[in-house]
PDB file of N, CA and C in Angstrom:
ATOM      1  N   MET A   1     -80.341 -63.952  44.632  1.00  0.00           N
ATOM      2  CA  MET A   1     -80.992 -65.140  44.134  1.00  0.00           C
ATOM      3  C   MET A   1     -81.669 -64.798  42.815  1.00  0.00           C
ATOM      4  N   TYR A   2     -81.532 -65.694  41.851  1.00  0.00           N
ATOM      5  CA  TYR A   2     -82.140 -65.499  40.549  1.00  0.00           C
ATOM      6  C   TYR A   2     -83.534 -66.101  40.520  1.00  0.00           C
ATOM      7  N   ILE A   3     -84.406 -65.536  39.691  1.00  0.00           N
ATOM      8  CA  ILE A   3     -85.764 -66.063  39.555  1.00  0.00           C
ATOM      9  C   ILE A   3     -85.688 -67.513  39.101  1.00  0.00           C
ATOM     10  N   GLY A   4     -86.393 -68.379  39.800  1.00  0.00           N
ATOM     11  CA  GLY A   4     -86.412 -69.794  39.465  1.00  0.00           C
ATOM     12  C   GLY A   4     -85.295 -70.606  40.087  1.00  0.00           C
ATOM     13  N   SER A   5     -84.387 -69.957  40.802  1.00  0.00           N
ATOM     14  CA  SER A   5     -83.298 -70.699  41.431  1.00  0.00           C
ATOM     15  C   SER A   5     -83.723 -71.157  42.829  1.00  0.00           C
ATOM     16  N   LEU A   6     -82.908 -71.989  43.408  1.00  0.00           N
ATOM     17  CA  LEU A   6     -83.194 -72.495  44.748  1.00  0.00           C
ATOM     18  C   LEU A   6     -82.946 -71.420  45.805  1.00  0.00           C
ATOM     19  N   PRO A   7     -83.693 -71.470  46.904  1.00  0.00           N
ATOM     20  CA  PRO A   7     -83.389 -70.558  48.014  1.00  0.00           C
ATOM     21  C   PRO A   7     -81.993 -70.869  48.559  1.00  0.00           C
ATOM     22  N   GLU A   8     -81.251 -69.840  48.875  1.00  0.00           N
ATOM     23  CA  GLU A   8     -79.908 -70.004  49.423  1.00  0.00           C
ATOM     24  C   GLU A   8     -79.971 -69.854  50.937  1.00  0.00           C
ATOM     25  N   LEU A   9     -79.502 -70.872  51.634  1.00  0.00           N
ATOM     26  CA  LEU A   9     -79.469 -70.850  53.090  1.00  0.00           C
ATOM     27  C   LEU A   9     -78.021 -70.767  53.536  1.00  0.00           C
ATOM     28  N   PHE A  10     -77.673 -69.666  54.170  1.00  0.00           N
ATOM     29  CA  PHE A  10     -76.309 -69.465  54.641  1.00  0.00           C
ATOM     30  C   PHE A  10     -76.194 -69.999  56.070  1.00  0.00           C
ATOM     31  N   LEU A  11     -75.328 -70.963  56.256  1.00  0.00           N
ATOM     32  CA  LEU A  11     -75.157 -71.595  57.555  1.00  0.00           C
ATOM     33  C   LEU A  11     -73.788 -71.251  58.120  1.00  0.00           C
ATOM     34  N   ASP A  12     -73.715 -71.166  59.436  1.00  0.00           N
ATOM     35  CA  ASP A  12     -72.400 -71.006  60.038  1.00  0.00           C
ATOM     36  C   ASP A  12     -71.876 -72.386  60.435  1.00  0.00           C
ATOM     37  N   THR A  13     -70.650 -72.441  60.863  1.00  0.00           N
ATOM     38  CA  THR A  13     -70.042 -73.731  61.182  1.00  0.00           C
ATOM     39  C   THR A  13     -70.726 -74.421  62.363  1.00  0.00           C
ATOM     40  N   ASP A  14     -71.371 -73.655  63.222  1.00  0.00           N
ATOM     41  CA  ASP A  14     -72.092 -74.260  64.340  1.00  0.00           C
ATOM     42  C   ASP A  14     -73.211 -75.187  63.854  1.00  0.00           C
ATOM     43  N   THR A  15     -73.850 -74.830  62.755  1.00  0.00           N
ATOM     44  CA  THR A  15     -74.925 -75.661  62.225  1.00  0.00           C
ATOM     45  C   THR A  15     -74.368 -77.005  61.766  1.00  0.00           C
ATOM     46  N   ALA A  16     -73.238 -76.994  61.091  1.00  0.00           N
ATOM     47  CA  ALA A  16     -72.601 -78.245  60.677  1.00  0.00           C
ATOM     48  C   ALA A  16     -72.195 -79.060  61.911  1.00  0.00           C
ATOM     49  N   PHE A  17     -71.678 -78.390  62.922  1.00  0.00           N
ATOM     50  CA  PHE A  17     -71.288 -79.083  64.153  1.00  0.00           C
ATOM     51  C   PHE A  17     -72.505 -79.684  64.852  1.00  0.00           C
ATOM     52  N   ASP A  18     -73.643 -78.978  64.825  1.00  0.00           N
ATOM     53  CA  ASP A  18     -74.878 -79.511  65.413  1.00  0.00           C
ATOM     54  C   ASP A  18     -75.238 -80.857  64.802  1.00  0.00           C
ATOM     55  N   ILE A  19     -75.086 -80.961  63.482  1.00  0.00           N
ATOM     56  CA  ILE A  19     -75.436 -82.202  62.784  1.00  0.00           C
ATOM     57  C   ILE A  19     -74.417 -83.294  63.106  1.00  0.00           C
ATOM     58  N   LEU A  20     -73.148 -82.966  63.001  1.00  0.00           N
ATOM     59  CA  LEU A  20     -72.113 -83.983  63.220  1.00  0.00           C
ATOM     60  C   LEU A  20     -72.089 -84.520  64.647  1.00  0.00           C
ATOM     61  N   SER A  21     -72.378 -83.659  65.607  1.00  0.00           N
ATOM     62  CA  SER A  21     -72.317 -84.065  67.016  1.00  0.00           C
ATOM     63  C   SER A  21     -73.688 -84.387  67.608  1.00  0.00           C
ATOM     64  N   LYS A  22     -74.745 -84.228  66.804  1.00  0.00           N
ATOM     65  CA  LYS A  22     -76.128 -84.421  67.279  1.00  0.00           C
ATOM     66  C   LYS A  22     -76.400 -83.575  68.522  1.00  0.00           C
ATOM     67  N   ARG A  23     -75.885 -82.349  68.487  1.00  0.00           N
ATOM     68  CA  ARG A  23     -76.005 -81.434  69.628  1.00  0.00           C
ATOM     69  C   ARG A  23     -77.456 -80.976  69.785  1.00  0.00           C
ATOM     70  N   GLN A  24     -77.953 -81.151  70.996  1.00  0.00           N
ATOM     71  CA  GLN A  24     -79.325 -80.742  71.318  1.00  0.00           C
ATOM     72  C   GLN A  24     -79.297 -79.336  71.910  1.00  0.00           C
ATOM     73  N   PRO A  25     -80.301 -78.534  71.727  1.00  0.00           N
ATOM     74  CA  PRO A  25     -81.573 -78.814  71.065  1.00  0.00           C
ATOM     75  C   PRO A  25     -81.584 -78.467  69.570  1.00  0.00           C
ATOM     76  N   HIS A  26     -80.430 -78.219  68.978  1.00  0.00           N
ATOM     77  CA  HIS A  26     -80.363 -77.704  67.604  1.00  0.00           C
ATOM     78  C   HIS A  26     -80.328 -78.775  66.528  1.00  0.00           C
ATOM     79  N   TYR A  27     -80.046 -80.007  66.899  1.00  0.00           N
ATOM     80  CA  TYR A  27     -79.851 -81.088  65.927  1.00  0.00           C
ATOM     81  C   TYR A  27     -81.046 -81.252  64.985  1.00  0.00           C
ATOM     82  N   LYS A  28     -82.230 -81.320  65.541  1.00  0.00           N
ATOM     83  CA  LYS A  28     -83.424 -81.592  64.733  1.00  0.00           C
ATOM     84  C   LYS A  28     -83.624 -80.536  63.638  1.00  0.00           C
ATOM     85  N   ASN A  29     -83.524 -79.270  63.984  1.00  0.00           N
ATOM     86  CA  ASN A  29     -83.707 -78.202  62.989  1.00  0.00           C
ATOM     87  C   ASN A  29     -82.565 -78.169  61.985  1.00  0.00           C
ATOM     88  N   SER A  30     -81.358 -78.461  62.429  1.00  0.00           N
ATOM     89  CA  SER A  30     -80.216 -78.473  61.522  1.00  0.00           C
ATOM     90  C   SER A  30     -80.354 -79.590  60.484  1.00  0.00           C
ATOM     91  N   VAL A  31     -80.851 -80.739  60.913  1.00  0.00           N
ATOM     92  CA  VAL A  31     -81.067 -81.851  59.986  1.00  0.00           C
ATOM     93  C   VAL A  31     -82.164 -81.492  58.976  1.00  0.00           C
ATOM     94  N   LEU A  32     -83.174 -80.766  59.394  1.00  0.00           N
ATOM     95  CA  LEU A  32     -84.223 -80.346  58.462  1.00  0.00           C
ATOM     96  C   LEU A  32     -83.640 -79.507  57.328  1.00  0.00           C
ATOM     97  N   LEU A  33     -82.694 -78.633  57.648  1.00  0.00           N
ATOM     98  CA  LEU A  33     -82.035 -77.830  56.616  1.00  0.00           C
ATOM     99  C   LEU A  33     -81.249 -78.717  55.660  1.00  0.00           C
ATOM    100  N   LEU A  34     -80.553 -79.700  56.206  1.00  0.00           N
ATOM    101  CA  LEU A  34     -79.785 -80.633  55.378  1.00  0.00           C
ATOM    102  C   LEU A  34     -80.714 -81.437  54.466  1.00  0.00           C
ATOM    103  N   GLU A  35     -81.865 -81.836  54.978  1.00  0.00           N
ATOM    104  CA  GLU A  35     -82.830 -82.584  54.180  1.00  0.00           C
ATOM    105  C   GLU A  35     -83.389 -81.745  53.027  1.00  0.00           C
ATOM    106  N   LEU A  36     -83.587 -80.461  53.244  1.00  0.00           N
ATOM    107  CA  LEU A  36     -84.034 -79.585  52.154  1.00  0.00           C
ATOM    108  C   LEU A  36     -83.033 -79.599  51.003  1.00  0.00           C
ATOM    109  N   ALA A  37     -81.767 -79.547  51.343  1.00  0.00           N
ATOM    110  CA  ALA A  37     -80.730 -79.574  50.315  1.00  0.00           C
ATOM    111  C   ALA A  37     -80.689 -80.934  49.622  1.00  0.00           C
ATOM    112  N   ALA A  38     -80.844 -82.002  50.375  1.00  0.00           N
ATOM    113  CA  ALA A  38     -80.814 -83.347  49.797  1.00  0.00           C
ATOM    114  C   ALA A  38     -81.968 -83.566  48.826  1.00  0.00           C
ATOM    115  N   LYS A  39     -83.070 -82.881  49.069  1.00  0.00           N
ATOM    116  CA  LYS A  39     -84.251 -82.994  48.196  1.00  0.00           C
ATOM    117  C   LYS A  39     -84.265 -81.931  47.105  1.00  0.00           C
ATOM    118  N   ASP A  40     -83.135 -81.233  46.927  1.00  0.00           N
ATOM    119  CA  ASP A  40     -83.005 -80.159  45.930  1.00  0.00           C
ATOM    120  C   ASP A  40     -84.054 -79.067  46.087  1.00  0.00           C
ATOM    121  N   LYS A  41     -84.346 -78.735  47.344  1.00  0.00           N
ATOM    122  CA  LYS A  41     -85.295 -77.664  47.636  1.00  0.00           C
ATOM    123  C   LYS A  41     -84.604 -76.409  48.130  1.00  0.00           C
ATOM    124  N   ALA A  42     -83.297 -76.517  48.410  1.00  0.00           N
ATOM    125  CA  ALA A  42     -82.535 -75.359  48.886  1.00  0.00           C
ATOM    126  C   ALA A  42     -81.056 -75.599  48.607  1.00  0.00           C
ATOM    127  N   LEU A  43     -80.337 -74.504  48.544  1.00  0.00           N
ATOM    128  CA  LEU A  43     -78.887 -74.561  48.363  1.00  0.00           C
ATOM    129  C   LEU A  43     -78.246 -74.134  49.677  1.00  0.00           C
ATOM    130  N   LEU A  44     -77.465 -75.027  50.271  1.00  0.00           N
ATOM    131  CA  LEU A  44     -76.796 -74.704  51.538  1.00  0.00           C
ATOM    132  C   LEU A  44     -75.421 -74.147  51.261  1.00  0.00           C
ATOM    133  N   LEU A  45     -75.106 -73.059  51.910  1.00  0.00           N
ATOM    134  CA  LEU A  45     -73.801 -72.424  51.804  1.00  0.00           C
ATOM    135  C   LEU A  45     -73.217 -72.333  53.204  1.00  0.00           C
ATOM    136  N   LEU A  46     -72.041 -72.870  53.383  1.00  0.00           N
ATOM    137  CA  LEU A  46     -71.405 -72.882  54.695  1.00  0.00           C
ATOM    138  C   LEU A  46     -70.407 -71.741  54.791  1.00  0.00           C
ATOM    139  N   ALA A  47     -70.577 -70.931  55.815  1.00  0.00           N
ATOM    140  CA  ALA A  47     -69.696 -69.788  56.022  1.00  0.00           C
ATOM    141  C   ALA A  47     -68.354 -70.258  56.564  1.00  0.00           C
ATOM    142  N   GLU A  48     -67.300 -69.580  56.164  1.00  0.00           N
ATOM    143  CA  GLU A  48     -65.985 -69.841  56.729  1.00  0.00           C
ATOM    144  C   GLU A  48     -65.835 -69.044  58.018  1.00  0.00           C
ATOM    145  N   SER A  49     -65.131 -69.622  58.952  1.00  0.00           N
ATOM    146  CA  SER A  49     -64.943 -68.875  60.202  1.00  0.00           C
ATOM    147  C   SER A  49     -63.501 -68.564  60.440  1.00  0.00           C
TER     148      SER A  49
END
């Protein structure tokens, strides 16, 4: 990460699935990560599986 850049959050495919399927108990925290990216507070990177 470069000075002044956004924090990089590396997510696995399960996190994306949590959001798409509203899988509990992980949905709420997964959406919080997505909201950080939507507000330009973090950069989300999705890992390939």
